[in-house]
PDB file of N, CA and C in Angstrom:
ATOM      1  N   MET A   1     163.011 107.953  77.389  1.00  0.00           N
ATOM      2  CA  MET A   1     163.275 109.059  78.297  1.00  0.00           C
ATOM      3  C   MET A   1     162.154 110.080  78.152  1.00  0.00           C
ATOM      4  N   ALA A   2     161.429 110.323  79.190  1.00  0.00           N
ATOM      5  CA  ALA A   2     160.309 111.265  79.152  1.00  0.00           C
ATOM      6  C   ALA A   2     160.816 112.690  78.946  1.00  0.00           C
ATOM      7  N   GLY A   3     160.140 113.417  78.086  1.00  0.00           N
ATOM      8  CA  GLY A   3     160.487 114.807  77.854  1.00  0.00           C
ATOM      9  C   GLY A   3     161.624 115.018  76.867  1.00  0.00           C
ATOM     10  N   ALA A   4     162.167 113.934  76.323  1.00  0.00           N
ATOM     11  CA  ALA A   4     163.264 114.077  75.361  1.00  0.00           C
ATOM     12  C   ALA A   4     162.733 114.664  74.058  1.00  0.00           C
ATOM     13  N   ARG A   5     163.522 115.518  73.454  1.00  0.00           N
ATOM     14  CA  ARG A   5     163.157 116.113  72.165  1.00  0.00           C
ATOM     15  C   ARG A   5     164.255 115.774  71.172  1.00  0.00           C
ATOM     16  N   ASN A   6     163.875 115.167  70.068  1.00  0.00           N
ATOM     17  CA  ASN A   6     164.846 114.752  69.067  1.00  0.00           C
ATOM     18  C   ASN A   6     165.157 115.871  68.083  1.00  0.00           C
ATOM     19  N   ILE A   7     166.406 115.928  67.691  1.00  0.00           N
ATOM     20  CA  ILE A   7     166.857 116.890  66.683  1.00  0.00           C
ATOM     21  C   ILE A   7     166.479 116.359  65.306  1.00  0.00           C
ATOM     22  N   VAL A   8     165.863 117.216  64.484  1.00  0.00           N
ATOM     23  CA  VAL A   8     165.516 116.810  63.121  1.00  0.00           C
ATOM     24  C   VAL A   8     166.352 117.530  62.069  1.00  0.00           C
ATOM     25  N   GLU A   9     166.961 118.666  62.435  1.00  0.00           N
ATOM     26  CA  GLU A   9     167.770 119.394  61.468  1.00  0.00           C
ATOM     27  C   GLU A   9     168.755 120.312  62.194  1.00  0.00           C
ATOM     28  N   VAL A  10     169.941 120.441  61.619  1.00  0.00           N
ATOM     29  CA  VAL A  10     170.961 121.365  62.127  1.00  0.00           C
ATOM     30  C   VAL A  10     171.401 122.231  60.959  1.00  0.00           C
ATOM     31  N   LEU A  11     171.277 123.545  61.114  1.00  0.00           N
ATOM     32  CA  LEU A  11     171.658 124.489  60.073  1.00  0.00           C
ATOM     33  C   LEU A  11     172.806 125.353  60.586  1.00  0.00           C
ATOM     34  N   THR A  12     173.743 125.666  59.707  1.00  0.00           N
ATOM     35  CA  THR A  12     174.833 126.554  60.085  1.00  0.00           C
ATOM     36  C   THR A  12     174.882 127.740  59.132  1.00  0.00           C
ATOM     37  N   GLU A  13     175.338 128.856  59.658  1.00  0.00           N
ATOM     38  CA  GLU A  13     175.532 130.066  58.866  1.00  0.00           C
ATOM     39  C   GLU A  13     176.861 130.688  59.291  1.00  0.00           C
ATOM     40  N   TYR A  14     177.454 131.430  58.387  1.00  0.00           N
ATOM     41  CA  TYR A  14     178.720 132.090  58.676  1.00  0.00           C
ATOM     42  C   TYR A  14     178.670 133.482  58.057  1.00  0.00           C
ATOM     43  N   TYR A  15     178.978 134.469  58.868  1.00  0.00           N
ATOM     44  CA  TYR A  15     179.002 135.851  58.384  1.00  0.00           C
ATOM     45  C   TYR A  15     180.372 136.449  58.655  1.00  0.00           C
ATOM     46  N   ARG A  16     180.845 137.207  57.698  1.00  0.00           N
ATOM     47  CA  ARG A  16     182.082 137.975  57.842  1.00  0.00           C
ATOM     48  C   ARG A  16     181.647 139.436  57.834  1.00  0.00           C
ATOM     49  N   VAL A  17     181.770 140.094  58.985  1.00  0.00           N
ATOM     50  CA  VAL A  17     181.238 141.441  59.185  1.00  0.00           C
ATOM     51  C   VAL A  17     182.376 142.455  59.151  1.00  0.00           C
ATOM     52  N   PRO A  18     182.451 143.289  58.112  1.00  0.00           N
ATOM     53  CA  PRO A  18     183.526 144.273  58.048  1.00  0.00           C
ATOM     54  C   PRO A  18     183.345 145.365  59.102  1.00  0.00           C
ATOM     55  N   LEU A  19     184.447 145.839  59.616  1.00  0.00           N
ATOM     56  CA  LEU A  19     184.417 146.941  60.576  1.00  0.00           C
ATOM     57  C   LEU A  19     184.574 148.262  59.826  1.00  0.00           C
ATOM     58  N   PRO A  20     183.974 149.335  60.320  1.00  0.00           N
ATOM     59  CA  PRO A  20     184.092 150.634  59.646  1.00  0.00           C
ATOM     60  C   PRO A  20     185.544 151.090  59.527  1.00  0.00           C
ATOM     61  N   GLU A  21     186.358 150.715  60.528  1.00  0.00           N
ATOM     62  CA  GLU A  21     187.794 150.999  60.474  1.00  0.00           C
ATOM     63  C   GLU A  21     188.504 149.924  61.283  1.00  0.00           C
ATOM     64  N   PRO A  22     189.749 149.596  60.943  1.00  0.00           N
ATOM     65  CA  PRO A  22     190.489 148.551  61.664  1.00  0.00           C
ATOM     66  C   PRO A  22     190.647 148.905  63.147  1.00  0.00           C
ATOM     67  N   ILE A  23     190.623 147.859  63.993  1.00  0.00           N
ATOM     68  CA  ILE A  23     190.856 148.033  65.428  1.00  0.00           C
ATOM     69  C   ILE A  23     191.938 147.056  65.863  1.00  0.00           C
ATOM     70  N   GLY A  24     192.609 147.365  66.948  1.00  0.00           N
ATOM     71  CA  GLY A  24     193.635 146.487  67.477  1.00  0.00           C
ATOM     72  C   GLY A  24     194.252 147.098  68.719  1.00  0.00           C
ATOM     73  N   ASP A  25     195.088 146.303  69.377  1.00  0.00           N
ATOM     74  CA  ASP A  25     195.812 146.799  70.537  1.00  0.00           C
ATOM     75  C   ASP A  25     197.137 146.043  70.630  1.00  0.00           C
ATOM     76  N   ALA A  26     197.890 146.274  71.686  1.00  0.00           N
ATOM     77  CA  ALA A  26     199.208 145.672  71.814  1.00  0.00           C
ATOM     78  C   ALA A  26     199.145 144.147  71.953  1.00  0.00           C
ATOM     79  N   LYS A  27     198.055 143.627  72.491  1.00  0.00           N
ATOM     80  CA  LYS A  27     197.940 142.177  72.705  1.00  0.00           C
ATOM     81  C   LYS A  27     197.375 141.454  71.479  1.00  0.00           C
ATOM     82  N   HIS A  28     196.480 142.109  70.751  1.00  0.00           N
ATOM     83  CA  HIS A  28     195.813 141.489  69.609  1.00  0.00           C
ATOM     84  C   HIS A  28     196.271 142.162  68.322  1.00  0.00           C
ATOM     85  N   ARG A  29     196.259 141.404  67.267  1.00  0.00           N
ATOM     86  CA  ARG A  29     196.633 142.013  65.994  1.00  0.00           C
ATOM     87  C   ARG A  29     195.510 142.918  65.499  1.00  0.00           C
ATOM     88  N   VAL A  30     195.736 143.614  64.429  1.00  0.00           N
ATOM     89  CA  VAL A  30     194.726 144.517  63.881  1.00  0.00           C
ATOM     90  C   VAL A  30     193.625 143.699  63.213  1.00  0.00           C
ATOM     91  N   HIS A  31     192.380 144.040  63.506  1.00  0.00           N
ATOM     92  CA  HIS A  31     191.220 143.341  62.942  1.00  0.00           C
ATOM     93  C   HIS A  31     190.495 144.262  61.965  1.00  0.00           C
ATOM     94  N   THR A  32     190.176 143.726  60.812  1.00  0.00           N
ATOM     95  CA  THR A  32     189.415 144.488  59.815  1.00  0.00           C
ATOM     96  C   THR A  32     187.973 144.011  59.735  1.00  0.00           C
ATOM     97  N   HIS A  33     187.681 142.896  60.408  1.00  0.00           N
ATOM     98  CA  HIS A  33     186.330 142.325  60.378  1.00  0.00           C
ATOM     99  C   HIS A  33     186.155 141.375  61.572  1.00  0.00           C
ATOM    100  N   PHE A  34     184.933 141.011  61.849  1.00  0.00           N
ATOM    101  CA  PHE A  34     184.598 139.952  62.791  1.00  0.00           C
ATOM    102  C   PHE A  34     184.014 138.794  62.009  1.00  0.00           C
ATOM    103  N   GLU A  35     184.149 137.589  62.537  1.00  0.00           N
ATOM    104  CA  GLU A  35     183.519 136.417  61.947  1.00  0.00           C
ATOM    105  C   GLU A  35     182.450 135.926  62.913  1.00  0.00           C
ATOM    106  N   LEU A  36     181.305 135.588  62.391  1.00  0.00           N
ATOM    107  CA  LEU A  36     180.150 135.222  63.207  1.00  0.00           C
ATOM    108  C   LEU A  36     179.586 133.887  62.740  1.00  0.00           C
ATOM    109  N   PRO A  37     180.004 132.751  63.361  1.00  0.00           N
ATOM    110  CA  PRO A  37     179.398 131.463  63.058  1.00  0.00           C
ATOM    111  C   PRO A  37     178.128 131.270  63.905  1.00  0.00           C
ATOM    112  N   ILE A  38     177.088 130.762  63.270  1.00  0.00           N
ATOM    113  CA  ILE A  38     175.793 130.570  63.919  1.00  0.00           C
ATOM    114  C   ILE A  38     175.323 129.141  63.660  1.00  0.00           C
ATOM    115  N   VAL A  39     174.712 128.511  64.653  1.00  0.00           N
ATOM    116  CA  VAL A  39     174.094 127.192  64.463  1.00  0.00           C
ATOM    117  C   VAL A  39     172.643 127.269  64.929  1.00  0.00           C
ATOM    118  N   LYS A  40     171.759 126.687  64.139  1.00  0.00           N
ATOM    119  CA  LYS A  40     170.340 126.601  64.506  1.00  0.00           C
ATOM    120  C   LYS A  40     169.969 125.126  64.551  1.00  0.00           C
ATOM    121  N   ILE A  41     169.383 124.699  65.663  1.00  0.00           N
ATOM    122  CA  ILE A  41     168.953 123.312  65.838  1.00  0.00           C
ATOM    123  C   ILE A  41     167.432 123.300  65.865  1.00  0.00           C
ATOM    124  N   ILE A  42     166.851 122.495  65.002  1.00  0.00           N
ATOM    125  CA  ILE A  42     165.397 122.380  64.917  1.00  0.00           C
ATOM    126  C   ILE A  42     164.995 121.037  65.507  1.00  0.00           C
ATOM    127  N   LEU A  43     164.064 121.073  66.439  1.00  0.00           N
ATOM    128  CA  LEU A  43     163.622 119.871  67.136  1.00  0.00           C
ATOM    129  C   LEU A  43     162.313 119.355  66.551  1.00  0.00           C
ATOM    130  N   GLU A  44     162.009 118.085  66.834  1.00  0.00           N
ATOM    131  CA  GLU A  44     160.844 117.452  66.237  1.00  0.00           C
ATOM    132  C   GLU A  44     159.519 118.110  66.635  1.00  0.00           C
ATOM    133  N   ASP A  45     159.497 118.813  67.746  1.00  0.00           N
ATOM    134  CA  ASP A  45     158.261 119.496  68.143  1.00  0.00           C
ATOM    135  C   ASP A  45     158.131 120.873  67.490  1.00  0.00           C
ATOM    136  N   GLY A  46     159.091 121.210  66.590  1.00  0.00           N
ATOM    137  CA  GLY A  46     159.038 122.486  65.871  1.00  0.00           C
ATOM    138  C   GLY A  46     159.788 123.619  66.541  1.00  0.00           C
ATOM    139  N   SER A  47     160.232 123.399  67.758  1.00  0.00           N
ATOM    140  CA  SER A  47     160.981 124.473  68.422  1.00  0.00           C
ATOM    141  C   SER A  47     162.385 124.561  67.839  1.00  0.00           C
ATOM    142  N   GLU A  48     162.980 125.728  67.990  1.00  0.00           N
ATOM    143  CA  GLU A  48     164.301 125.998  67.446  1.00  0.00           C
ATOM    144  C   GLU A  48     165.192 126.576  68.536  1.00  0.00           C
ATOM    145  N   GLU A  49     166.429 126.196  68.494  1.00  0.00           N
ATOM    146  CA  GLU A  49     167.445 126.734  69.386  1.00  0.00           C
ATOM    147  C   GLU A  49     168.543 127.328  68.524  1.00  0.00           C
ATOM    148  N   VAL A  50     169.076 128.472  68.928  1.00  0.00           N
ATOM    149  CA  VAL A  50     170.119 129.146  68.148  1.00  0.00           C
ATOM    150  C   VAL A  50     171.291 129.464  69.060  1.00  0.00           C
ATOM    151  N   GLY A  51     172.491 129.218  68.551  1.00  0.00           N
ATOM    152  CA  GLY A  51     173.704 129.566  69.277  1.00  0.00           C
ATOM    153  C   GLY A  51     174.668 130.261  68.341  1.00  0.00           C
ATOM    154  N   TYR A  52     175.508 131.101  68.896  1.00  0.00           N
ATOM    155  CA  TYR A  52     176.491 131.798  68.068  1.00  0.00           C
ATOM    156  C   TYR A  52     177.728 132.125  68.893  1.00  0.00           C
ATOM    157  N   THR A  53     178.773 132.450  68.190  1.00  0.00           N
ATOM    158  CA  THR A  53     179.978 132.980  68.800  1.00  0.00           C
ATOM    159  C   THR A  53     180.589 133.946  67.792  1.00  0.00           C
ATOM    160  N   TYR A  54     181.678 134.573  68.130  1.00  0.00           N
ATOM    161  CA  TYR A  54     182.342 135.457  67.180  1.00  0.00           C
ATOM    162  C   TYR A  54     183.843 135.378  67.381  1.00  0.00           C
ATOM    163  N   THR A  55     184.556 135.766  66.355  1.00  0.00           N
ATOM    164  CA  THR A  55     186.007 135.877  66.459  1.00  0.00           C
ATOM    165  C   THR A  55     186.422 137.256  65.971  1.00  0.00           C
ATOM    166  N   GLY A  56     187.622 137.619  66.332  1.00  0.00           N
ATOM    167  CA  GLY A  56     188.169 138.894  65.875  1.00  0.00           C
ATOM    168  C   GLY A  56     188.798 138.777  64.510  1.00  0.00           C
ATOM    169  N   GLY A  57     188.156 138.043  63.626  1.00  0.00           N
ATOM    170  CA  GLY A  57     188.623 137.968  62.251  1.00  0.00           C
ATOM    171  C   GLY A  57     189.495 136.763  61.928  1.00  0.00           C
ATOM    172  N   VAL A  58     189.693 135.844  62.875  1.00  0.00           N
ATOM    173  CA  VAL A  58     190.520 134.671  62.616  1.00  0.00           C
ATOM    174  C   VAL A  58     189.831 133.435  63.192  1.00  0.00           C
ATOM    175  N   GLY A  59     189.736 132.376  62.385  1.00  0.00           N
ATOM    176  CA  GLY A  59     189.269 131.087  62.884  1.00  0.00           C
ATOM    177  C   GLY A  59     187.778 130.850  62.886  1.00  0.00           C
ATOM    178  N   GLY A  60     186.992 131.773  62.375  1.00  0.00           N
ATOM    179  CA  GLY A  60     185.539 131.610  62.397  1.00  0.00           C
ATOM    180  C   GLY A  60     185.050 130.394  61.631  1.00  0.00           C
ATOM    181  N   LEU A  61     185.673 130.093  60.507  1.00  0.00           N
ATOM    182  CA  LEU A  61     185.262 128.919  59.735  1.00  0.00           C
ATOM    183  C   LEU A  61     185.625 127.622  60.450  1.00  0.00           C
ATOM    184  N   ALA A  62     186.681 127.636  61.248  1.00  0.00           N
ATOM    185  CA  ALA A  62     187.087 126.433  61.992  1.00  0.00           C
ATOM    186  C   ALA A  62     186.096 126.100  63.091  1.00  0.00           C
ATOM    187  N   ILE A  63     185.439 127.102  63.622  1.00  0.00           N
ATOM    188  CA  ILE A  63     184.474 126.869  64.696  1.00  0.00           C
ATOM    189  C   ILE A  63     183.298 126.113  64.136  1.00  0.00           C
TER     190      ILE A  63
END
């Protein structure tokens, strides 16, 4: 396949970011931190791609 780039490495990181004070509302429970999972994909040509998401303090490790 012309132009295909192969993945040579996948790195993951996870951050738990404390909030200065808890936040919440009637629909969501109170959050004391955010969770930030990050993935970095390194391709054979040396280029890198990065993706991330966040949660309101629940389920970040599951992602």
